PDB file of N, CA and C in Angstrom:
ATOM      1  N   SER A   1      29.054  45.323 -70.483  1.00  0.00           N
ATOM      2  CA  SER A   1      29.911  45.706 -71.897  1.00  0.00           C
ATOM      3  C   SER A   1      29.407  46.139 -73.266  1.00  0.00           C
ATOM      4  N   LYS A   2      27.995  45.417 -73.586  1.00  0.00           N
ATOM      5  CA  LYS A   2      27.432  46.114 -74.351  1.00  0.00           C
ATOM      6  C   LYS A   2      26.929  47.486 -74.661  1.00  0.00           C
ATOM      7  N   TYR A   3      27.047  47.973 -73.579  1.00  0.00           N
ATOM      8  CA  TYR A   3      26.827  49.378 -73.559  1.00  0.00           C
ATOM      9  C   TYR A   3      27.886  50.442 -74.035  1.00  0.00           C
ATOM     10  N   ASP A   4      29.137  49.601 -73.233  1.00  0.00           N
ATOM     11  CA  ASP A   4      30.444  50.336 -73.831  1.00  0.00           C
ATOM     12  C   ASP A   4      30.704  50.292 -74.974  1.00  0.00           C
ATOM     13  N   GLU A   5      30.376  49.157 -75.851  1.00  0.00           N
ATOM     14  CA  GLU A   5      30.471  48.861 -77.404  1.00  0.00           C
ATOM     15  C   GLU A   5      29.612  50.098 -78.044  1.00  0.00           C
ATOM     16  N   LEU A   6      28.329  49.840 -77.896  1.00  0.00           N
ATOM     17  CA  LEU A   6      27.113  51.341 -78.305  1.00  0.00           C
ATOM     18  C   LEU A   6      27.844  52.664 -77.737  1.00  0.00           C
ATOM     19  N   LYS A   7      28.585  52.801 -77.048  1.00  0.00           N
ATOM     20  CA  LYS A   7      29.181  54.469 -76.448  1.00  0.00           C
ATOM     21  C   LYS A   7      30.083  54.765 -77.666  1.00  0.00           C
ATOM     22  N   LYS A   8      31.101  53.557 -77.673  1.00  0.00           N
ATOM     23  CA  LYS A   8      32.542  53.644 -78.443  1.00  0.00           C
ATOM     24  C   LYS A   8      31.838  53.814 -79.824  1.00  0.00           C
ATOM     25  N   ALA A   9      30.837  52.940 -80.040  1.00  0.00           N
ATOM     26  CA  ALA A   9      30.447  53.124 -81.599  1.00  0.00           C
ATOM     27  C   ALA A   9      30.123  54.354 -82.426  1.00  0.00           C
ATOM     28  N   GLU A  10      29.419  55.397 -81.464  1.00  0.00           N
ATOM     29  CA  GLU A  10      29.018  56.464 -81.589  1.00  0.00           C
ATOM     30  C   GLU A  10      29.275  57.514 -80.299  1.00  0.00           C
ATOM     31  N   LYS A  11      30.319  58.432 -81.010  1.00  0.00           N
ATOM     32  CA  LYS A  11      30.617  59.293 -79.873  1.00  0.00           C
ATOM     33  C   LYS A  11      29.783  60.710 -79.743  1.00  0.00           C
ATOM     34  N   GLY A  12      29.555  60.598 -78.381  1.00  0.00           N
ATOM     35  CA  GLY A  12      28.636  62.044 -78.047  1.00  0.00           C
ATOM     36  C   GLY A  12      28.342  61.946 -76.538  1.00  0.00           C
ATOM     37  N   ASN A  13      28.285  62.880 -76.043  1.00  0.00           N
ATOM     38  CA  ASN A  13      27.923  62.984 -74.543  1.00  0.00           C
ATOM     39  C   ASN A  13      26.743  63.362 -73.799  1.00  0.00           C
ATOM     40  N   ARG A  14      26.022  63.634 -74.565  1.00  0.00           N
ATOM     41  CA  ARG A  14      24.586  63.897 -74.411  1.00  0.00           C
ATOM     42  C   ARG A  14      24.043  62.718 -73.213  1.00  0.00           C
ATOM     43  N   GLN A  15      23.281  63.180 -72.557  1.00  0.00           N
ATOM     44  CA  GLN A  15      22.608  62.388 -71.385  1.00  0.00           C
ATOM     45  C   GLN A  15      21.818  61.646 -71.759  1.00  0.00           C
ATOM     46  N   GLN A  16      21.133  62.057 -72.638  1.00  0.00           N
ATOM     47  CA  GLN A  16      19.811  61.397 -73.628  1.00  0.00           C
ATOM     48  C   GLN A  16      20.372  60.560 -74.397  1.00  0.00           C
ATOM     49  N   GLN A  17      21.453  60.618 -74.962  1.00  0.00           N
ATOM     50  CA  GLN A  17      22.094  59.947 -75.991  1.00  0.00           C
ATOM     51  C   GLN A  17      22.605  58.385 -75.176  1.00  0.00           C
ATOM     52  N   LYS A  18      23.300  58.712 -73.985  1.00  0.00           N
ATOM     53  CA  LYS A  18      23.460  57.747 -73.272  1.00  0.00           C
ATOM     54  C   LYS A  18      22.619  56.919 -72.603  1.00  0.00           C
ATOM     55  N   VAL A  19      21.347  57.338 -72.369  1.00  0.00           N
ATOM     56  CA  VAL A  19      20.213  56.664 -71.659  1.00  0.00           C
ATOM     57  C   VAL A  19      19.460  55.642 -73.134  1.00  0.00           C
ATOM     58  N   HIS A  20      19.721  56.018 -74.270  1.00  0.00           N
ATOM     59  CA  HIS A  20      18.877  55.541 -75.187  1.00  0.00           C
ATOM     60  C   HIS A  20      20.033  54.382 -75.595  1.00  0.00           C
ATOM     61  N   LYS A  21      21.192  54.323 -75.357  1.00  0.00           N
ATOM     62  CA  LYS A  21      22.327  53.503 -75.548  1.00  0.00           C
ATOM     63  C   LYS A  21      22.167  52.270 -74.506  1.00  0.00           C
ATOM     64  N   TYR A  22      22.062  52.705 -73.258  1.00  0.00           N
ATOM     65  CA  TYR A  22      22.055  52.072 -72.424  1.00  0.00           C
ATOM     66  C   TYR A  22      20.748  50.896 -72.215  1.00  0.00           C
ATOM     67  N   ILE A  23      19.595  51.809 -72.942  1.00  0.00           N
ATOM     68  CA  ILE A  23      18.432  50.681 -72.851  1.00  0.00           C
ATOM     69  C   ILE A  23      18.481  49.693 -74.228  1.00  0.00           C
ATOM     70  N   ALA A  24      19.366  50.348 -75.051  1.00  0.00           N
ATOM     71  CA  ALA A  24      19.460  49.576 -76.312  1.00  0.00           C
ATOM     72  C   ALA A  24      20.585  48.113 -75.966  1.00  0.00           C
ATOM     73  N   ALA A  25      21.248  48.408 -75.129  1.00  0.00           N
ATOM     74  CA  ALA A  25      22.175  47.562 -74.695  1.00  0.00           C
ATOM     75  C   ALA A  25      21.361  46.559 -74.045  1.00  0.00           C
ATOM     76  N   CYS A  26      20.571  46.784 -72.822  1.00  0.00           N
ATOM     77  CA  CYS A  26      19.918  46.171 -72.240  1.00  0.00           C
ATOM     78  C   CYS A  26      18.811  45.108 -72.911  1.00  0.00           C
ATOM     79  N   GLU A  27      18.132  45.832 -74.004  1.00  0.00           N
ATOM     80  CA  GLU A  27      17.480  45.279 -74.696  1.00  0.00           C
ATOM     81  C   GLU A  27      18.082  43.919 -75.720  1.00  0.00           C
ATOM     82  N   GLN A  28      19.307  44.447 -76.170  1.00  0.00           N
ATOM     83  CA  GLN A  28      19.936  43.441 -76.858  1.00  0.00           C
ATOM     84  C   GLN A  28      20.424  41.961 -76.286  1.00  0.00           C
ATOM     85  N   VAL A  29      20.936  42.533 -74.862  1.00  0.00           N
ATOM     86  CA  VAL A  29      21.234  41.435 -73.993  1.00  0.00           C
ATOM     87  C   VAL A  29      20.142  40.670 -73.355  1.00  0.00           C
ATOM     88  N   MET A  30      19.055  41.259 -72.970  1.00  0.00           N
ATOM     89  CA  MET A  30      18.066  40.533 -72.472  1.00  0.00           C
ATOM     90  C   MET A  30      16.967  39.923 -73.425  1.00  0.00           C
ATOM     91  N   ALA A  31      16.989  40.026 -74.872  1.00  0.00           N
ATOM     92  CA  ALA A  31      16.132  39.651 -75.781  1.00  0.00           C
ATOM     93  C   ALA A  31      16.104  38.003 -75.666  1.00  0.00           C
ATOM     94  N   PRO A  32      17.198  37.507 -75.970  1.00  0.00           N
ATOM     95  CA  PRO A  32      16.857  35.982 -75.691  1.00  0.00           C
ATOM     96  C   PRO A  32      16.244  35.203 -74.515  1.00  0.00           C
ATOM     97  N   VAL A  33      16.791  36.190 -73.424  1.00  0.00           N
ATOM     98  CA  VAL A  33      16.100  35.573 -71.950  1.00  0.00           C
ATOM     99  C   VAL A  33      14.580  36.018 -72.374  1.00  0.00           C
ATOM    100  N   HIS A  34      14.161  36.954 -72.821  1.00  0.00           N
ATOM    101  CA  HIS A  34      12.606  37.100 -72.921  1.00  0.00           C
ATOM    102  C   HIS A  34      11.956  36.327 -73.858  1.00  0.00           C
ATOM    103  N   GLU A  35      12.723  35.798 -75.036  1.00  0.00           N
ATOM    104  CA  GLU A  35      11.720  34.826 -75.613  1.00  0.00           C
ATOM    105  C   GLU A  35      12.016  33.669 -75.028  1.00  0.00           C
ATOM    106  N   ALA A  36      13.369  33.118 -74.465  1.00  0.00           N
ATOM    107  CA  ALA A  36      13.059  31.879 -73.657  1.00  0.00           C
ATOM    108  C   ALA A  36      11.739  31.722 -72.372  1.00  0.00           C
ATOM    109  N   VAL A  37      11.621  32.726 -71.739  1.00  0.00           N
ATOM    110  CA  VAL A  37      10.662  32.912 -70.830  1.00  0.00           C
ATOM    111  C   VAL A  37       9.405  32.623 -71.167  1.00  0.00           C
ATOM    112  N   VAL A  38       9.009  33.244 -72.511  1.00  0.00           N
ATOM    113  CA  VAL A  38       7.677  32.889 -73.129  1.00  0.00           C
ATOM    114  C   VAL A  38       7.318  31.713 -73.107  1.00  0.00           C
ATOM    115  N   SER A  39       7.930  30.614 -73.670  1.00  0.00           N
ATOM    116  CA  SER A  39       7.599  29.038 -73.438  1.00  0.00           C
ATOM    117  C   SER A  39       7.581  28.704 -72.107  1.00  0.00           C
ATOM    118  N   LEU A  40       7.733  29.216 -71.065  1.00  0.00           N
ATOM    119  CA  LEU A  40       7.527  28.717 -69.885  1.00  0.00           C
ATOM    120  C   LEU A  40       5.922  28.554 -69.111  1.00  0.00           C
ATOM    121  N   HIS A  41       5.206  29.704 -69.912  1.00  0.00           N
ATOM    122  CA  HIS A  41       3.755  29.709 -69.627  1.00  0.00           C
ATOM    123  C   HIS A  41       2.720  29.731 -70.686  1.00  0.00           C
ATOM    124  N   LEU A  42       1.610  29.571 -70.449  1.00  0.00           N
ATOM    125  CA  LEU A  42       0.662  29.532 -71.329  1.00  0.00           C
ATOM    126  C   LEU A  42       0.511  31.041 -71.937  1.00  0.00           C
ATOM    127  N   PRO A  43       0.128  30.953 -73.253  1.00  0.00           N
ATOM    128  CA  PRO A  43       0.051  32.311 -73.648  1.00  0.00           C
ATOM    129  C   PRO A  43      -1.030  33.275 -73.068  1.00  0.00           C
ATOM    130  N   LYS A  44      -1.827  32.833 -72.505  1.00  0.00           N
ATOM    131  CA  LYS A  44      -2.869  33.764 -71.724  1.00  0.00           C
ATOM    132  C   LYS A  44      -2.372  34.400 -70.965  1.00  0.00           C
ATOM    133  N   VAL A  45      -1.060  33.838 -70.106  1.00  0.00           N
ATOM    134  CA  VAL A  45      -0.562  34.470 -68.957  1.00  0.00           C
ATOM    135  C   VAL A  45       0.335  35.852 -69.415  1.00  0.00           C
ATOM    136  N   TRP A  46       0.682  35.839 -70.774  1.00  0.00           N
ATOM    137  CA  TRP A  46       1.493  36.746 -71.332  1.00  0.00           C
ATOM    138  C   TRP A  46       0.529  38.073 -71.624  1.00  0.00           C
ATOM    139  N   ASP A  47      -0.859  37.770 -71.358  1.00  0.00           N
ATOM    140  CA  ASP A  47      -1.960  38.894 -72.063  1.00  0.00           C
ATOM    141  C   ASP A  47      -1.725  40.121 -70.696  1.00  0.00           C
ATOM    142  N   ASP A  48      -1.449  39.638 -69.421  1.00  0.00           N
ATOM    143  CA  ASP A  48      -1.107  40.242 -68.308  1.00  0.00           C
ATOM    144  C   ASP A  48       0.128  40.654 -67.706  1.00  0.00           C
ATOM    145  N   LEU A  49       1.094  39.820 -68.138  1.00  0.00           N
ATOM    146  CA  LEU A  49       2.034  40.036 -67.853  1.00  0.00           C
ATOM    147  C   LEU A  49       3.234  39.814 -68.827  1.00  0.00           C
ATOM    148  N   ARG A  50       3.955  41.067 -69.054  1.00  0.00           N
ATOM    149  CA  ARG A  50       5.114  40.979 -69.860  1.00  0.00           C
ATOM    150  C   ARG A  50       6.284  40.247 -69.546  1.00  0.00           C
ATOM    151  N   PRO A  51       6.618  39.536 -70.392  1.00  0.00           N
ATOM    152  CA  PRO A  51       8.151  38.816 -70.309  1.00  0.00           C
ATOM    153  C   PRO A  51       8.978  39.427 -69.695  1.00  0.00           C
ATOM    154  N   GLN A  52       9.272  40.723 -70.004  1.00  0.00           N
ATOM    155  CA  GLN A  52      10.350  41.712 -69.632  1.00  0.00           C
ATOM    156  C   GLN A  52      10.177  41.835 -68.061  1.00  0.00           C
ATOM    157  N   PHE A  53       8.903  42.059 -67.696  1.00  0.00           N
ATOM    158  CA  PHE A  53       8.994  42.043 -66.220  1.00  0.00           C
ATOM    159  C   PHE A  53       9.045  40.874 -65.604  1.00  0.00           C
ATOM    160  N   TYR A  54       8.483  39.983 -66.231  1.00  0.00           N
ATOM    161  CA  TYR A  54       8.859  38.416 -65.784  1.00  0.00           C
ATOM    162  C   TYR A  54      10.250  37.992 -65.461  1.00  0.00           C
ATOM    163  N   ALA A  55      11.123  38.491 -66.244  1.00  0.00           N
ATOM    164  CA  ALA A  55      12.370  38.405 -65.839  1.00  0.00           C
ATOM    165  C   ALA A  55      13.063  39.021 -65.159  1.00  0.00           C
ATOM    166  N   THR A  56      12.928  40.293 -65.313  1.00  0.00           N
ATOM    167  CA  THR A  56      13.296  41.473 -64.237  1.00  0.00           C
ATOM    168  C   THR A  56      13.039  40.554 -62.672  1.00  0.00           C
ATOM    169  N   PHE A  57      11.832  40.204 -62.415  1.00  0.00           N
ATOM    170  CA  PHE A  57      11.200  40.124 -61.208  1.00  0.00           C
ATOM    171  C   PHE A  57      12.169  38.928 -60.730  1.00  0.00           C
ATOM    172  N   TRP A  58      12.498  38.031 -61.406  1.00  0.00           N
ATOM    173  CA  TRP A  58      12.773  36.721 -60.926  1.00  0.00           C
ATOM    174  C   TRP A  58      14.474  36.841 -61.102  1.00  0.00           C
ATOM    175  N   SER A  59      14.992  37.847 -61.485  1.00  0.00           N
ATOM    176  CA  SER A  59      16.521  37.519 -61.514  1.00  0.00           C
ATOM    177  C   SER A  59      17.094  38.678 -60.194  1.00  0.00           C
ATOM    178  N   LEU A  60      15.864  39.368 -59.661  1.00  0.00           N
ATOM    179  CA  LEU A  60      16.400  40.217 -58.482  1.00  0.00           C
ATOM    180  C   LEU A  60      16.569  39.282 -57.276  1.00  0.00           C
ATOM    181  N   THR A  61      17.241  39.745 -56.134  1.00  0.00           N
ATOM    182  CA  THR A  61      17.486  39.074 -55.113  1.00  0.00           C
ATOM    183  C   THR A  61      17.006  39.775 -53.807  1.00  0.00           C
ATOM    184  N   MET A  62      16.880  39.420 -52.817  1.00  0.00           N
ATOM    185  CA  MET A  62      16.266  40.017 -51.474  1.00  0.00           C
ATOM    186  C   MET A  62      16.985  41.397 -51.156  1.00  0.00           C
ATOM    187  N   TYR A  63      18.232  41.691 -51.825  1.00  0.00           N
ATOM    188  CA  TYR A  63      19.166  42.572 -51.616  1.00  0.00           C
ATOM    189  C   TYR A  63      18.597  43.971 -52.600  1.00  0.00           C
ATOM    190  N   ASP A  64      17.634  43.476 -53.505  1.00  0.00           N
ATOM    191  CA  ASP A  64      17.252  44.615 -54.446  1.00  0.00           C
ATOM    192  C   ASP A  64      16.324  44.953 -54.247  1.00  0.00           C
ATOM    193  N   LEU A  65      15.206  44.604 -53.459  1.00  0.00           N
ATOM    194  CA  LEU A  65      14.071  44.834 -52.673  1.00  0.00           C
ATOM    195  C   LEU A  65      14.196  45.420 -51.510  1.00  0.00           C
ATOM    196  N   ALA A  66      13.340  46.697 -51.537  1.00  0.00           N
ATOM    197  CA  ALA A  66      13.331  47.524 -50.357  1.00  0.00           C
ATOM    198  C   ALA A  66      11.984  47.606 -49.679  1.00  0.00           C
ATOM    199  N   VAL A  67      11.910  47.463 -47.986  1.00  0.00           N
ATOM    200  CA  VAL A  67      10.604  47.210 -47.746  1.00  0.00           C
ATOM    201  C   VAL A  67      10.668  48.963 -46.876  1.00  0.00           C
ATOM    202  N   PRO A  68       9.426  49.535 -47.331  1.00  0.00           N
ATOM    203  CA  PRO A  68       9.174  51.070 -46.436  1.00  0.00           C
ATOM    204  C   PRO A  68       8.880  50.494 -45.358  1.00  0.00           C
ATOM    205  N   HIS A  69       9.824  50.820 -43.996  1.00  0.00           N
ATOM    206  CA  HIS A  69       9.742  50.502 -42.845  1.00  0.00           C
ATOM    207  C   HIS A  69       8.695  51.266 -41.998  1.00  0.00           C
ATOM    208  N   ASN A  70       8.876  52.615 -42.453  1.00  0.00           N
ATOM    209  CA  ASN A  70       8.142  53.411 -41.759  1.00  0.00           C
ATOM    210  C   ASN A  70       6.801  53.092 -42.004  1.00  0.00           C
ATOM    211  N   ALA A  71       6.221  53.030 -43.104  1.00  0.00           N
ATOM    212  CA  ALA A  71       4.833  52.486 -43.866  1.00  0.00           C
ATOM    213  C   ALA A  71       4.466  51.315 -42.911  1.00  0.00           C
ATOM    214  N   TYR A  72       5.409  50.244 -42.852  1.00  0.00           N
ATOM    215  CA  TYR A  72       5.201  48.894 -42.200  1.00  0.00           C
ATOM    216  C   TYR A  72       5.235  49.055 -40.825  1.00  0.00           C
ATOM    217  N   ASP A  73       5.890  49.509 -40.148  1.00  0.00           N
ATOM    218  CA  ASP A  73       5.434  49.894 -38.757  1.00  0.00           C
ATOM    219  C   ASP A  73       4.314  50.670 -38.442  1.00  0.00           C
ATOM    220  N   ARG A  74       3.931  51.827 -39.027  1.00  0.00           N
ATOM    221  CA  ARG A  74       2.796  52.583 -38.935  1.00  0.00           C
ATOM    222  C   ARG A  74       1.476  51.591 -39.060  1.00  0.00           C
ATOM    223  N   GLU A  75       1.819  50.652 -39.786  1.00  0.00           N
ATOM    224  CA  GLU A  75       0.438  49.467 -40.099  1.00  0.00           C
ATOM    225  C   GLU A  75       0.532  48.663 -39.096  1.00  0.00           C
ATOM    226  N   VAL A  76       1.469  48.383 -38.402  1.00  0.00           N
ATOM    227  CA  VAL A  76       1.384  47.278 -37.247  1.00  0.00           C
ATOM    228  C   VAL A  76       1.202  48.004 -36.302  1.00  0.00           C
ATOM    229  N   ASN A  77       1.682  48.894 -35.964  1.00  0.00           N
ATOM    230  CA  ASN A  77       0.934  49.909 -34.631  1.00  0.00           C
ATOM    231  C   ASN A  77      -0.389  50.045 -34.696  1.00  0.00           C
ATOM    232  N   LYS A  78      -0.896  50.575 -35.975  1.00  0.00           N
ATOM    233  CA  LYS A  78      -2.726  50.735 -36.021  1.00  0.00           C
ATOM    234  C   LYS A  78      -3.095  49.182 -35.760  1.00  0.00           C
ATOM    235  N   LEU A  79      -2.871  48.532 -36.269  1.00  0.00           N
ATOM    236  CA  LEU A  79      -3.434  46.813 -36.223  1.00  0.00           C
ATOM    237  C   LEU A  79      -3.341  46.575 -34.481  1.00  0.00           C
ATOM    238  N   LYS A  80      -2.166  46.758 -33.881  1.00  0.00           N
ATOM    239  CA  LYS A  80      -1.915  46.411 -32.372  1.00  0.00           C
ATOM    240  C   LYS A  80      -2.846  47.391 -31.498  1.00  0.00           C
ATOM    241  N   MET A  81      -3.063  48.802 -31.957  1.00  0.00           N
ATOM    242  CA  MET A  81      -4.198  49.715 -31.311  1.00  0.00           C
ATOM    243  C   MET A  81      -5.768  49.212 -31.539  1.00  0.00           C
ATOM    244  N   GLN A  82      -5.672  48.573 -32.573  1.00  0.00           N
ATOM    245  CA  GLN A  82      -7.283  48.028 -32.790  1.00  0.00           C
ATOM    246  C   GLN A  82      -7.295  46.511 -31.929  1.00  0.00           C
ATOM    247  N   ILE A  83      -6.567  45.808 -31.885  1.00  0.00           N
ATOM    248  CA  ILE A  83      -6.498  44.797 -31.051  1.00  0.00           C
ATOM    249  C   ILE A  83      -6.649  44.662 -29.312  1.00  0.00           C
ATOM    250  N   LYS A  84      -5.812  45.561 -29.233  1.00  0.00           N
ATOM    251  CA  LYS A  84      -6.160  46.798 -28.001  1.00  0.00           C
ATOM    252  C   LYS A  84      -7.604  46.969 -27.240  1.00  0.00           C
ATOM    253  N   ALA A  85      -8.191  47.768 -28.528  1.00  0.00           N
ATOM    254  CA  ALA A  85      -9.124  48.591 -28.379  1.00  0.00           C
ATOM    255  C   ALA A  85     -10.402  47.386 -28.271  1.00  0.00           C
ATOM    256  N   ILE A  86      -9.832  46.133 -29.143  1.00  0.00           N
ATOM    257  CA  ILE A  86     -11.180  45.197 -28.868  1.00  0.00           C
ATOM    258  C   ILE A  86     -10.862  44.256 -27.268  1.00  0.00           C
ATOM    259  N   ASP A  87      -9.758  44.222 -27.380  1.00  0.00           N
ATOM    260  CA  ASP A  87      -9.518  43.599 -25.816  1.00  0.00           C
ATOM    261  C   ASP A  87      -9.935  44.370 -24.373  1.00  0.00           C
ATOM    262  N   GLU A  88     -10.046  45.619 -24.671  1.00  0.00           N
ATOM    263  CA  GLU A  88     -10.365  46.697 -23.482  1.00  0.00           C
ATOM    264  C   GLU A  88     -11.998  46.743 -23.562  1.00  0.00           C
ATOM    265  N   ASN A  89     -12.766  46.133 -24.946  1.00  0.00           N
ATOM    266  CA  ASN A  89     -14.258  46.453 -24.799  1.00  0.00           C
ATOM    267  C   ASN A  89     -14.836  45.341 -24.092  1.00  0.00           C
ATOM    268  N   THR A  90     -15.512  45.788 -22.899  1.00  0.00           N
ATOM    269  CA  THR A  90     -15.973  44.561 -22.196  1.00  0.00           C
ATOM    270  C   THR A  90     -17.410  44.457 -22.605  1.00  0.00           C
ATOM    271  N   GLU A  91     -17.963  44.918 -23.474  1.00  0.00           N
ATOM    272  CA  GLU A  91     -19.287  44.319 -24.193  1.00  0.00           C
ATOM    273  C   GLU A  91     -19.024  43.358 -24.955  1.00  0.00           C
ATOM    274  N   MET A  92     -17.725  43.055 -25.698  1.00  0.00           N
ATOM    275  CA  MET A  92     -17.481  41.901 -26.475  1.00  0.00           C
ATOM    276  C   MET A  92     -16.933  40.829 -26.057  1.00  0.00           C
TER     277      MET A  92
END
């Protein structure tokens, strides 16, 4: 809704303007959340981690996360082959 407000306030169809308005709307809506999150941890935590990332991460659900199944399966198969090679090695 904040994005729609900003879009109506300034007419224009350029894609870049839309992107900037969307970013501005997100920053306006999430600013209070980011400020509230800072008080949850010691200041040294925020040296390595931005409050924006922290809030985004904890607002995701399992459906928002994607697992690279092909790469995962490839690594599992590689480990299985290593285990099989060790089992077949009579010297060990």
